[in-house]
Amino acid sequence: MRKEGVLDRAFTCLETAQYAWKTLQKIAIDPWCNSDAINIVFPALQHAALSEKWQITIGGENNHMFCTPGVTKEKIDEFVAGILTLEANRLLEAELVP
């Protein structure tokens, strides 16, 4: 791959990371990242199903998402939809259990 191709990939990863950061903020998750970084850090989500489907680190106080080549905005949207679904299910179960 030529230098221009590598730079294009790097910039795409940075754009995807910024998109992930903004999208997580929209659903009241407090993400953070260093400038010019492709990884997003956010408070730990306690859903094992997330680690089964998505390649994010789970455990401890924080989760880490790495926006490498192949991670798209559509995948970020799907991940966020999964979080919302899991949270909605958790709230419904809490209401149903006396």
Protein backbone atom coordinates (compact mmCIF):
# COMPACT_ATOMS: atom_id res chain seq x y z
CA MET A 1 0.00 0.00 0.00
CA ARG A 2 1.29 3.43 -0.88
CA LYS A 3 1.78 6.23 1.61
CA GLU A 4 -1.42 7.96 0.45
CA GLY A 5 -3.42 4.79 1.04
CA VAL A 6 -2.09 4.45 4.57
CA LEU A 7 -2.91 8.09 5.29
CA ASP A 8 -6.44 7.67 3.91
CA ARG A 9 -6.99 4.68 6.19
CA ALA A 10 -5.66 6.57 9.19
CA PHE A 11 -7.92 9.56 8.54
CA THR A 12 -10.93 7.27 8.05
CA CYS A 13 -10.20 5.61 11.41
CA LEU A 14 -9.95 9.02 13.09
CA GLU A 15 -13.26 10.12 11.56
CA THR A 16 -14.91 6.89 12.71
CA ALA A 17 -13.57 7.39 16.23
CA GLN A 18 -15.00 10.90 16.36
CA TYR A 19 -18.33 9.57 15.10
CA ALA A 20 -18.32 6.88 17.81
CA TRP A 21 -17.52 9.47 20.46
CA LYS A 22 -20.37 11.75 19.37
CA THR A 23 -22.83 8.87 19.03
CA LEU A 24 -22.07 7.53 22.51
CA GLN A 25 -22.54 11.04 23.91
CA LYS A 26 -25.99 11.20 22.34
CA ILE A 27 -27.14 8.23 24.44
CA ALA A 28 -25.77 9.69 27.69
CA ILE A 29 -22.62 7.60 27.86
CA ASP A 30 -19.64 9.73 28.84
CA PRO A 31 -16.88 8.74 26.38
CA TRP A 32 -13.47 10.27 26.12
CA CYS A 33 -10.50 9.99 23.82
CA ASN A 34 -7.23 11.71 23.18
CA SER A 35 -7.04 13.96 20.16
CA ASP A 36 -5.87 12.09 17.09
CA ALA A 37 -6.66 8.73 18.72
CA ILE A 38 -8.64 5.85 17.26
CA ASN A 39 -9.68 4.42 20.60
CA ILE A 40 -12.69 5.55 22.61
CA VAL A 41 -12.86 4.95 26.36
CA PHE A 42 -16.19 4.91 28.17
CA PRO A 43 -17.53 3.79 31.55
CA ALA A 44 -17.92 0.04 31.80
CA LEU A 45 -21.20 -1.38 30.56
CA GLN A 46 -22.14 -4.46 32.49
CA HIS A 47 -23.50 -6.52 29.62
CA ALA A 48 -21.63 -9.72 28.79
CA ALA A 49 -23.54 -9.86 25.50
CA LEU A 50 -21.55 -6.86 24.31
CA SER A 51 -18.23 -8.65 24.55
CA GLU A 52 -19.69 -11.70 22.81
CA LYS A 53 -20.67 -9.74 19.71
CA TRP A 54 -18.35 -6.73 19.64
CA GLN A 55 -14.61 -6.51 19.89
CA ILE A 56 -14.40 -4.11 22.79
CA THR A 57 -12.60 -4.66 26.05
CA ILE A 58 -15.01 -5.35 28.87
CA GLY A 59 -14.13 -5.34 32.53
CA GLY A 60 -12.85 -3.04 35.18
CA GLU A 61 -14.10 0.50 35.30
CA ASN A 62 -13.82 1.26 31.57
CA ASN A 63 -14.53 -0.22 28.16
CA HIS A 64 -12.35 0.50 25.14
CA MET A 65 -13.47 0.61 21.52
CA PHE A 66 -10.81 0.68 18.82
CA CYS A 67 -11.89 2.18 15.49
CA THR A 68 -9.57 0.24 13.21
CA PRO A 69 -10.02 -0.28 9.46
CA GLY A 70 -13.25 -2.18 8.92
CA VAL A 71 -15.11 -0.45 11.75
CA THR A 72 -17.77 1.62 10.02
CA LYS A 73 -20.33 4.17 11.10
CA GLU A 74 -22.99 1.54 10.43
CA LYS A 75 -21.27 -0.82 12.87
CA ILE A 76 -21.09 1.95 15.46
CA ASP A 77 -24.83 2.56 15.00
CA GLU A 78 -25.52 -1.16 15.40
CA PHE A 79 -23.38 -1.27 18.57
CA VAL A 80 -25.24 1.71 20.06
CA ALA A 81 -28.60 0.15 19.15
CA GLY A 82 -27.47 -2.98 20.96
CA ILE A 83 -26.63 -0.97 24.07
CA LEU A 84 -30.05 0.69 24.00
CA THR A 85 -31.80 -2.65 23.58
CA LEU A 86 -29.89 -4.26 26.46
CA GLU A 87 -30.60 -1.29 28.72
CA ALA A 88 -34.30 -1.29 27.81
CA ASN A 89 -34.52 -5.03 28.53
CA ARG A 90 -32.73 -4.56 31.87
CA LEU A 91 -35.19 -1.85 32.88
CA LEU A 92 -38.18 -3.95 31.84
CA GLU A 93 -36.92 -6.93 33.82
CA ALA A 94 -36.40 -4.73 36.87
CA GLU A 95 -40.01 -3.55 36.63
CA LEU A 96 -41.37 -7.09 36.26
CA VAL A 97 -39.46 -8.59 39.17
CA PRO A 98 -41.11 -7.73 42.49
